[in-house]
C-alpha atoms as a PDB file:
ATOM      1  CA  UNK A   1     -54.644 -28.053  57.397  1.00  0.00           C
ATOM      2  CA  UNK A   2     -51.756 -26.249  55.731  1.00  0.00           C
ATOM      3  CA  UNK A   3     -48.995 -28.367  54.318  1.00  0.00           C
ATOM      4  CA  UNK A   4     -45.470 -28.069  55.677  1.00  0.00           C
ATOM      5  CA  UNK A   5     -43.171 -25.617  53.930  1.00  0.00           C
ATOM      6  CA  UNK A   6     -41.654 -27.097  50.766  1.00  0.00           C
ATOM      7  CA  UNK A   7     -37.953 -27.104  50.090  1.00  0.00           C
ATOM      8  CA  UNK A   8     -36.657 -24.003  48.365  1.00  0.00           C
ATOM      9  CA  UNK A   9     -36.790 -24.540  44.565  1.00  0.00           C
ATOM     10  CA  UNK A  10     -33.082 -23.771  44.056  1.00  0.00           C
ATOM     11  CA  UNK A  11     -30.249 -24.956  46.363  1.00  0.00           C
ATOM     12  CA  UNK A  12     -28.402 -21.625  46.681  1.00  0.00           C
ATOM     13  CA  UNK A  13     -31.527 -20.127  48.284  1.00  0.00           C
ATOM     14  CA  UNK A  14     -30.595 -21.518  51.691  1.00  0.00           C
ATOM     15  CA  UNK A  15     -28.276 -18.590  52.459  1.00  0.00           C
ATOM     16  CA  UNK A  16     -29.705 -15.136  53.352  1.00  0.00           C
ATOM     17  CA  UNK A  17     -27.223 -13.310  51.118  1.00  0.00           C
ATOM     18  CA  UNK A  18     -28.875 -14.943  48.098  1.00  0.00           C
ATOM     19  CA  UNK A  19     -31.888 -12.739  48.828  1.00  0.00           C
ATOM     20  CA  UNK A  20     -30.053  -9.425  48.527  1.00  0.00           C
ATOM     21  CA  UNK A  21     -29.636  -9.249  44.757  1.00  0.00           C
ATOM     22  CA  UNK A  22     -31.588  -7.612  41.977  1.00  0.00           C
ATOM     23  CA  UNK A  23     -34.386  -9.172  39.945  1.00  0.00           C
ATOM     24  CA  UNK A  24     -36.149  -8.147  36.722  1.00  0.00           C
ATOM     25  CA  UNK A  25     -38.754  -6.272  38.785  1.00  0.00           C
ATOM     26  CA  UNK A  26     -36.380  -4.162  40.844  1.00  0.00           C
ATOM     27  CA  UNK A  27     -33.343  -2.192  39.841  1.00  0.00           C
ATOM     28  CA  UNK A  28     -31.160  -1.920  42.926  1.00  0.00           C
ATOM     29  CA  UNK A  29     -29.612   1.300  41.588  1.00  0.00           C
ATOM     30  CA  UNK A  30     -32.859   3.152  40.863  1.00  0.00           C
ATOM     31  CA  UNK A  31     -32.061   6.672  42.159  1.00  0.00           C
ATOM     32  CA  UNK A  32     -35.583   7.604  43.223  1.00  0.00           C
ATOM     33  CA  UNK A  33     -36.132   4.415  45.207  1.00  0.00           C
ATOM     34  CA  UNK A  34     -32.680   4.587  46.778  1.00  0.00           C
ATOM     35  CA  UNK A  35     -33.327   8.174  47.834  1.00  0.00           C
ATOM     36  CA  UNK A  36     -36.617   7.158  49.460  1.00  0.00           C
ATOM     37  CA  UNK A  37     -34.966   4.228  51.248  1.00  0.00           C
ATOM     38  CA  UNK A  38     -32.224   6.528  52.514  1.00  0.00           C
ATOM     39  CA  UNK A  39     -34.792   9.021  53.812  1.00  0.00           C
ATOM     40  CA  UNK A  40     -36.714   6.262  55.568  1.00  0.00           C
ATOM     41  CA  UNK A  41     -33.695   4.648  57.224  1.00  0.00           C
ATOM     42  CA  UNK A  42     -31.099   7.356  57.837  1.00  0.00           C
ATOM     43  CA  UNK A  43     -32.110   7.874  61.476  1.00  0.00           C
ATOM     44  CA  UNK A  44     -32.676   4.184  62.249  1.00  0.00           C
ATOM     45  CA  UNK A  45     -30.385   2.637  64.859  1.00  0.00           C
ATOM     46  CA  UNK A  46     -30.561  -1.009  63.777  1.00  0.00           C
ATOM     47  CA  UNK A  47     -31.891  -3.401  61.145  1.00  0.00           C
ATOM     48  CA  UNK A  48     -35.223  -3.840  62.913  1.00  0.00           C
ATOM     49  CA  UNK A  49     -35.890  -0.112  62.841  1.00  0.00           C
ATOM     50  CA  UNK A  50     -34.920   0.023  59.167  1.00  0.00           C
ATOM     51  CA  UNK A  51     -37.254  -2.860  58.360  1.00  0.00           C
ATOM     52  CA  UNK A  52     -40.153  -1.292  60.268  1.00  0.00           C
ATOM     53  CA  UNK A  53     -39.701   2.085  58.621  1.00  0.00           C
ATOM     54  CA  UNK A  54     -39.777   0.595  55.120  1.00  0.00           C
ATOM     55  CA  UNK A  55     -42.592  -1.783  56.035  1.00  0.00           C
ATOM     56  CA  UNK A  56     -44.652   1.108  57.401  1.00  0.00           C
ATOM     57  CA  UNK A  57     -44.179   3.120  54.225  1.00  0.00           C
ATOM     58  CA  UNK A  58     -45.379   0.285  51.968  1.00  0.00           C
ATOM     59  CA  UNK A  59     -48.211  -0.677  54.307  1.00  0.00           C
ATOM     60  CA  UNK A  60     -49.615   2.854  54.160  1.00  0.00           C
ATOM     61  CA  UNK A  61     -49.977   2.654  50.376  1.00  0.00           C
ATOM     62  CA  UNK A  62     -53.681   2.066  49.606  1.00  0.00           C
ATOM     63  CA  UNK A  63     -54.668  -1.473  48.662  1.00  0.00           C
ATOM     64  CA  UNK A  64     -55.995  -1.386  45.107  1.00  0.00           C
ATOM     65  CA  UNK A  65     -56.960  -4.292  42.844  1.00  0.00           C
ATOM     66  CA  UNK A  66     -55.795  -3.586  39.320  1.00  0.00           C
ATOM     67  CA  UNK A  67     -56.248  -5.188  35.944  1.00  0.00           C
ATOM     68  CA  UNK A  68     -53.141  -7.207  35.092  1.00  0.00           C
ATOM     69  CA  UNK A  69     -51.234  -6.716  31.867  1.00  0.00           C
ATOM     70  CA  UNK A  70     -47.895  -7.805  33.281  1.00  0.00           C
ATOM     71  CA  UNK A  71     -45.953  -7.545  36.513  1.00  0.00           C
ATOM     72  CA  UNK A  72     -45.038  -3.920  37.363  1.00  0.00           C
ATOM     73  CA  UNK A  73     -41.554  -3.060  38.545  1.00  0.00           C
ATOM     74  CA  UNK A  74     -40.891  -1.720  42.023  1.00  0.00           C
ATOM     75  CA  UNK A  75     -40.397   1.768  40.566  1.00  0.00           C
ATOM     76  CA  UNK A  76     -43.739   1.580  38.744  1.00  0.00           C
ATOM     77  CA  UNK A  77     -45.513   0.593  41.968  1.00  0.00           C
ATOM     78  CA  UNK A  78     -43.750   3.422  43.796  1.00  0.00           C
ATOM     79  CA  UNK A  79     -44.794   5.946  41.152  1.00  0.00           C
ATOM     80  CA  UNK A  80     -48.409   4.676  41.225  1.00  0.00           C
ATOM     81  CA  UNK A  81     -48.617   5.166  44.993  1.00  0.00           C
ATOM     82  CA  UNK A  82     -50.883   2.149  45.478  1.00  0.00           C
ATOM     83  CA  UNK A  83     -51.067  -1.501  44.531  1.00  0.00           C
ATOM     84  CA  UNK A  84     -52.469  -4.962  45.049  1.00  0.00           C
ATOM     85  CA  UNK A  85     -50.849  -7.591  47.266  1.00  0.00           C
ATOM     86  CA  UNK A  86     -48.347  -8.642  44.577  1.00  0.00           C
ATOM     87  CA  UNK A  87     -47.428  -5.062  43.708  1.00  0.00           C
ATOM     88  CA  UNK A  88     -46.820  -4.068  47.320  1.00  0.00           C
ATOM     89  CA  UNK A  89     -44.730  -7.208  47.877  1.00  0.00           C
ATOM     90  CA  UNK A  90     -42.519  -6.258  44.919  1.00  0.00           C
ATOM     91  CA  UNK A  91     -41.920  -2.747  46.236  1.00  0.00           C
ATOM     92  CA  UNK A  92     -41.369  -3.905  49.814  1.00  0.00           C
ATOM     93  CA  UNK A  93     -38.746  -6.520  48.945  1.00  0.00           C
ATOM     94  CA  UNK A  94     -36.927  -4.133  46.591  1.00  0.00           C
ATOM     95  CA  UNK A  95     -36.710  -1.403  49.237  1.00  0.00           C
ATOM     96  CA  UNK A  96     -35.635  -3.800  51.977  1.00  0.00           C
ATOM     97  CA  UNK A  97     -32.841  -5.175  49.803  1.00  0.00           C
ATOM     98  CA  UNK A  98     -31.699  -1.637  49.008  1.00  0.00           C
ATOM     99  CA  UNK A  99     -31.358  -1.170  52.768  1.00  0.00           C
ATOM    100  CA  UNK A 100     -29.172  -4.305  52.934  1.00  0.00           C
ATOM    101  CA  UNK A 101     -31.849  -6.507  54.494  1.00  0.00           C
ATOM    102  CA  UNK A 102     -32.237 -10.017  52.989  1.00  0.00           C
ATOM    103  CA  UNK A 103     -35.863 -10.500  52.007  1.00  0.00           C
ATOM    104  CA  UNK A 104     -38.023 -12.640  49.765  1.00  0.00           C
ATOM    105  CA  UNK A 105     -41.645 -13.570  49.076  1.00  0.00           C
ATOM    106  CA  UNK A 106     -43.332 -16.799  50.090  1.00  0.00           C
ATOM    107  CA  UNK A 107     -46.453 -17.562  48.062  1.00  0.00           C
ATOM    108  CA  UNK A 108     -49.434 -19.371  49.563  1.00  0.00           C
ATOM    109  CA  UNK A 109     -52.496 -20.825  47.888  1.00  0.00           C
ATOM    110  CA  UNK A 110     -55.561 -19.979  49.979  1.00  0.00           C
ATOM    111  CA  UNK A 111     -59.136 -21.191  49.946  1.00  0.00           C
ATOM    112  CA  UNK A 112     -61.516 -18.754  48.270  1.00  0.00           C
ATOM    113  CA  UNK A 113     -63.614 -18.540  51.430  1.00  0.00           C
ATOM    114  CA  UNK A 114     -61.152 -15.999  52.772  1.00  0.00           C
ATOM    115  CA  UNK A 115     -62.489 -13.510  50.188  1.00  0.00           C
ATOM    116  CA  UNK A 116     -66.073 -13.857  51.361  1.00  0.00           C
ATOM    117  CA  UNK A 117     -67.761 -10.480  50.979  1.00  0.00           C
ATOM    118  CA  UNK A 118     -65.694  -9.505  47.925  1.00  0.00           C
ATOM    119  CA  UNK A 119     -67.190 -10.055  44.436  1.00  0.00           C
ATOM    120  CA  UNK A 120     -65.806 -12.886  42.376  1.00  0.00           C
ATOM    121  CA  UNK A 121     -66.489 -16.121  44.267  1.00  0.00           C
ATOM    122  CA  UNK A 122     -62.990 -17.416  43.523  1.00  0.00           C
ATOM    123  CA  UNK A 123     -62.249 -20.990  44.581  1.00  0.00           C
ATOM    124  CA  UNK A 124     -58.618 -20.199  45.402  1.00  0.00           C
ATOM    125  CA  UNK A 125     -56.433 -17.148  45.870  1.00  0.00           C
ATOM    126  CA  UNK A 126     -52.643 -16.793  45.868  1.00  0.00           C
ATOM    127  CA  UNK A 127     -51.180 -14.553  48.579  1.00  0.00           C
ATOM    128  CA  UNK A 128     -47.629 -13.202  48.951  1.00  0.00           C
ATOM    129  CA  UNK A 129     -46.043 -13.260  52.418  1.00  0.00           C
ATOM    130  CA  UNK A 130     -42.918 -11.252  53.162  1.00  0.00           C
ATOM    131  CA  UNK A 131     -39.970 -13.097  54.683  1.00  0.00           C
ATOM    132  CA  UNK A 132     -37.154 -10.950  56.099  1.00  0.00           C
ATOM    133  CA  UNK A 133     -33.925 -12.050  57.778  1.00  0.00           C
ATOM    134  CA  UNK A 134     -33.766 -10.423  61.229  1.00  0.00           C
ATOM    135  CA  UNK A 135     -32.229 -11.636  64.475  1.00  0.00           C
ATOM    136  CA  UNK A 136     -30.726 -14.647  62.647  1.00  0.00           C
ATOM    137  CA  UNK A 137     -34.103 -15.971  61.549  1.00  0.00           C
ATOM    138  CA  UNK A 138     -36.685 -15.539  58.823  1.00  0.00           C
ATOM    139  CA  UNK A 139     -39.644 -13.538  60.099  1.00  0.00           C
ATOM    140  CA  UNK A 140     -42.882 -13.563  58.119  1.00  0.00           C
ATOM    141  CA  UNK A 141     -45.750 -11.148  57.661  1.00  0.00           C
ATOM    142  CA  UNK A 142     -48.508 -10.430  55.163  1.00  0.00           C
ATOM    143  CA  UNK A 143     -49.888  -7.442  57.111  1.00  0.00           C
ATOM    144  CA  UNK A 144     -48.247  -5.037  54.637  1.00  0.00           C
ATOM    145  CA  UNK A 145     -51.001  -5.841  52.130  1.00  0.00           C
ATOM    146  CA  UNK A 146     -53.705  -3.807  53.898  1.00  0.00           C
ATOM    147  CA  UNK A 147     -53.393  -0.099  54.593  1.00  0.00           C
ATOM    148  CA  UNK A 148     -54.594   0.762  58.093  1.00  0.00           C
ATOM    149  CA  UNK A 149     -58.019   2.127  57.120  1.00  0.00           C
ATOM    150  CA  UNK A 150     -58.845  -0.849  54.923  1.00  0.00           C
ATOM    151  CA  UNK A 151     -57.750  -3.361  57.573  1.00  0.00           C
ATOM    152  CA  UNK A 152     -59.695  -1.663  60.359  1.00  0.00           C
ATOM    153  CA  UNK A 153     -62.799  -1.465  58.187  1.00  0.00           C
ATOM    154  CA  UNK A 154     -62.520  -5.136  57.184  1.00  0.00           C
ATOM    155  CA  UNK A 155     -62.211  -6.284  60.803  1.00  0.00           C
ATOM    156  CA  UNK A 156     -65.185  -4.167  61.846  1.00  0.00           C
ATOM    157  CA  UNK A 157     -67.276  -5.466  58.947  1.00  0.00           C
ATOM    158  CA  UNK A 158     -66.539  -9.068  59.954  1.00  0.00           C
ATOM    159  CA  UNK A 159     -67.584  -8.314  63.531  1.00  0.00           C
ATOM    160  CA  UNK A 160     -70.802  -6.656  62.339  1.00  0.00           C
ATOM    161  CA  UNK A 161     -71.662  -9.672  60.177  1.00  0.00           C
ATOM    162  CA  UNK A 162     -70.576 -12.246  62.743  1.00  0.00           C
ATOM    163  CA  UNK A 163     -68.153 -13.804  60.266  1.00  0.00           C
ATOM    164  CA  UNK A 164     -64.857 -15.457  61.213  1.00  0.00           C
ATOM    165  CA  UNK A 165     -63.343 -15.120  57.737  1.00  0.00           C
ATOM    166  CA  UNK A 166     -63.865 -12.665  54.910  1.00  0.00           C
ATOM    167  CA  UNK A 167     -62.475  -9.685  53.014  1.00  0.00           C
ATOM    168  CA  UNK A 168     -59.137 -11.505  52.885  1.00  0.00           C
ATOM    169  CA  UNK A 169     -58.560 -11.704  56.643  1.00  0.00           C
ATOM    170  CA  UNK A 170     -59.513 -13.451  59.879  1.00  0.00           C
ATOM    171  CA  UNK A 171     -61.527 -11.373  62.325  1.00  0.00           C
ATOM    172  CA  UNK A 172     -58.657 -11.714  64.817  1.00  0.00           C
ATOM    173  CA  UNK A 173     -55.903 -11.294  62.247  1.00  0.00           C
ATOM    174  CA  UNK A 174     -52.906  -9.119  63.057  1.00  0.00           C
ATOM    175  CA  UNK A 175     -53.156  -5.500  61.928  1.00  0.00           C
ATOM    176  CA  UNK A 176     -49.436  -4.667  62.087  1.00  0.00           C
ATOM    177  CA  UNK A 177     -46.012  -6.297  62.351  1.00  0.00           C
ATOM    178  CA  UNK A 178     -43.680  -5.378  65.233  1.00  0.00           C
ATOM    179  CA  UNK A 179     -40.365  -6.551  63.792  1.00  0.00           C
ATOM    180  CA  UNK A 180     -39.744  -8.994  66.631  1.00  0.00           C
ATOM    181  CA  UNK A 181     -41.936 -11.912  65.553  1.00  0.00           C
ATOM    182  CA  UNK A 182     -44.060 -13.051  62.635  1.00  0.00           C
ATOM    183  CA  UNK A 183     -47.564 -11.627  62.182  1.00  0.00           C
ATOM    184  CA  UNK A 184     -50.360 -12.807  59.907  1.00  0.00           C
ATOM    185  CA  UNK A 185     -53.681 -11.598  58.550  1.00  0.00           C
ATOM    186  CA  UNK A 186     -54.985 -15.089  59.258  1.00  0.00           C
ATOM    187  CA  UNK A 187     -54.281 -14.697  62.977  1.00  0.00           C
ATOM    188  CA  UNK A 188     -52.071 -17.803  63.216  1.00  0.00           C
ATOM    189  CA  UNK A 189     -48.824 -19.016  61.599  1.00  0.00           C
ATOM    190  CA  UNK A 190     -49.323 -20.155  58.028  1.00  0.00           C
ATOM    191  CA  UNK A 191     -48.572 -23.788  58.885  1.00  0.00           C
ATOM    192  CA  UNK A 192     -51.549 -23.704  61.296  1.00  0.00           C
ATOM    193  CA  UNK A 193     -53.890 -21.668  59.099  1.00  0.00           C
ATOM    194  CA  UNK A 194     -56.856 -23.684  57.846  1.00  0.00           C
ATOM    195  CA  UNK A 195     -57.256 -21.311  54.897  1.00  0.00           C
ATOM    196  CA  UNK A 196     -53.816 -22.259  53.512  1.00  0.00           C
ATOM    197  CA  UNK A 197     -54.227 -25.010  50.939  1.00  0.00           C
ATOM    198  CA  UNK A 198     -50.597 -25.158  49.827  1.00  0.00           C
ATOM    199  CA  UNK A 199     -47.264 -23.506  50.526  1.00  0.00           C
ATOM    200  CA  UNK A 200     -45.773 -22.759  47.103  1.00  0.00           C
ATOM    201  CA  UNK A 201     -42.269 -21.844  48.242  1.00  0.00           C
ATOM    202  CA  UNK A 202     -40.102 -18.703  48.241  1.00  0.00           C
ATOM    203  CA  UNK A 203     -39.229 -16.456  45.306  1.00  0.00           C
ATOM    204  CA  UNK A 204     -37.663 -13.086  44.550  1.00  0.00           C
ATOM    205  CA  UNK A 205     -40.864 -11.475  43.309  1.00  0.00           C
ATOM    206  CA  UNK A 206     -44.180 -12.199  41.535  1.00  0.00           C
ATOM    207  CA  UNK A 207     -42.511 -12.524  38.132  1.00  0.00           C
ATOM    208  CA  UNK A 208     -40.059 -15.100  39.480  1.00  0.00           C
ATOM    209  CA  UNK A 209     -43.036 -16.985  40.938  1.00  0.00           C
ATOM    210  CA  UNK A 210     -44.916 -16.821  37.632  1.00  0.00           C
ATOM    211  CA  UNK A 211     -42.003 -18.297  35.685  1.00  0.00           C
ATOM    212  CA  UNK A 212     -40.611 -20.843  38.168  1.00  0.00           C
ATOM    213  CA  UNK A 213     -43.770 -22.282  39.771  1.00  0.00           C
ATOM    214  CA  UNK A 214     -46.345 -24.549  38.129  1.00  0.00           C
ATOM    215  CA  UNK A 215     -49.220 -22.761  39.864  1.00  0.00           C
ATOM    216  CA  UNK A 216     -47.576 -19.417  39.101  1.00  0.00           C
ATOM    217  CA  UNK A 217     -47.546 -20.233  35.387  1.00  0.00           C
ATOM    218  CA  UNK A 218     -51.182 -21.257  35.604  1.00  0.00           C
ATOM    219  CA  UNK A 219     -52.144 -17.975  37.259  1.00  0.00           C
ATOM    220  CA  UNK A 220     -50.236 -16.095  34.567  1.00  0.00           C
ATOM    221  CA  UNK A 221     -52.064 -17.938  31.765  1.00  0.00           C
ATOM    222  CA  UNK A 222     -54.259 -15.979  29.362  1.00  0.00           C
ATOM    223  CA  UNK A 223     -57.482 -17.529  30.660  1.00  0.00           C
ATOM    224  CA  UNK A 224     -56.708 -16.743  34.304  1.00  0.00           C
ATOM    225  CA  UNK A 225     -55.637 -13.197  33.485  1.00  0.00           C
ATOM    226  CA  UNK A 226     -58.800 -12.602  31.464  1.00  0.00           C
ATOM    227  CA  UNK A 227     -60.944 -13.867  34.330  1.00  0.00           C
ATOM    228  CA  UNK A 228     -59.040 -11.696  36.816  1.00  0.00           C
ATOM    229  CA  UNK A 229     -59.333  -8.589  34.646  1.00  0.00           C
ATOM    230  CA  UNK A 230     -63.084  -9.016  34.450  1.00  0.00           C
ATOM    231  CA  UNK A 231     -63.282  -9.158  38.243  1.00  0.00           C
ATOM    232  CA  UNK A 232     -60.657  -6.555  39.111  1.00  0.00           C
ATOM    233  CA  UNK A 233     -62.869  -3.440  38.776  1.00  0.00           C
ATOM    234  CA  UNK A 234     -65.559  -5.010  40.979  1.00  0.00           C
ATOM    235  CA  UNK A 235     -63.033  -6.038  43.611  1.00  0.00           C
ATOM    236  CA  UNK A 236     -61.370  -2.633  43.603  1.00  0.00           C
ATOM    237  CA  UNK A 237     -64.736  -0.925  44.055  1.00  0.00           C
ATOM    238  CA  UNK A 238     -65.416  -3.190  47.035  1.00  0.00           C
ATOM    239  CA  UNK A 239     -62.085  -2.240  48.656  1.00  0.00           C
ATOM    240  CA  UNK A 240     -62.773   1.455  48.140  1.00  0.00           C
ATOM    241  CA  UNK A 241     -66.276   1.191  49.595  1.00  0.00           C
ATOM    242  CA  UNK A 242     -64.946  -0.794  52.529  1.00  0.00           C
ATOM    243  CA  UNK A 243     -62.341   1.891  53.218  1.00  0.00           C
ATOM    244  CA  UNK A 244     -64.930   4.654  52.793  1.00  0.00           C
ATOM    245  CA  UNK A 245     -67.156   2.965  55.376  1.00  0.00           C
ATOM    246  CA  UNK A 246     -64.700   4.195  58.013  1.00  0.00           C
ATOM    247  CA  UNK A 247     -65.966   7.681  57.199  1.00  0.00           C
ATOM    248  CA  UNK A 248     -69.628   6.691  57.384  1.00  0.00           C
ATOM    249  CA  UNK A 249     -70.105   5.838  53.736  1.00  0.00           C
ATOM    250  CA  UNK A 250     -71.962   2.896  52.220  1.00  0.00           C
ATOM    251  CA  UNK A 251     -70.858  -0.500  53.518  1.00  0.00           C
ATOM    252  CA  UNK A 252     -70.009  -3.026  50.812  1.00  0.00           C
ATOM    253  CA  UNK A 253     -71.730  -6.366  50.938  1.00  0.00           C
ATOM    254  CA  UNK A 254     -71.530  -9.157  48.433  1.00  0.00           C
ATOM    255  CA  UNK A 255     -73.858 -11.993  49.327  1.00  0.00           C
ATOM    256  CA  UNK A 256     -72.202 -15.383  49.452  1.00  0.00           C
ATOM    257  CA  UNK A 257     -73.551 -18.808  50.218  1.00  0.00           C
END
């Protein structure tokens, strides 16, 4: 069973306003990002609507697994128009903060079984979960990771195979976040999710996690990055085939024990 949430790794992190500032991965004054945030939120009536508009924009970006040669900035992710879970988390938090909404990333260590069906056979996987301050509470969601087509295809594939877990989700995992309550790809709160091995705490972005967390430093080590880069093209091909299956293409299947 998942461990309880650890204390924040720095005392000032207890106040929401701490999670409004810049970080090395996002420039709060970037003109292109600020223009996009303004366009997304100018007609919104409240913070929830602003959060949902930005969330929806990032969620629609295609999920892509890339080779890692460093952590991209929010602007680089925006210009690419796609990203992996870490990339999309960086862009989402940057845009939310530009809209004046306190936000941060909680990192979880998951059992590799959750990636059943995807090449690699990893024993563990780190996942970013958005936390945003709304209605005087921190709401959580990781549903931004999957674009709609990829999520729908993954759920259907699990149903076809009779699997409970796989492709990074639970068969009954949430597809979207409504801005009123937390929503999870695992279908249940992280503290109740059997796939969660460890709650690693909250951070500004993936680079902050990589430099301030023991497990983050391990994942950023040369050996881990080399292993990931060997697997990344295979994993990305699996995501693309999974998404294409919605249009009647070949269904991806990676046999696992």
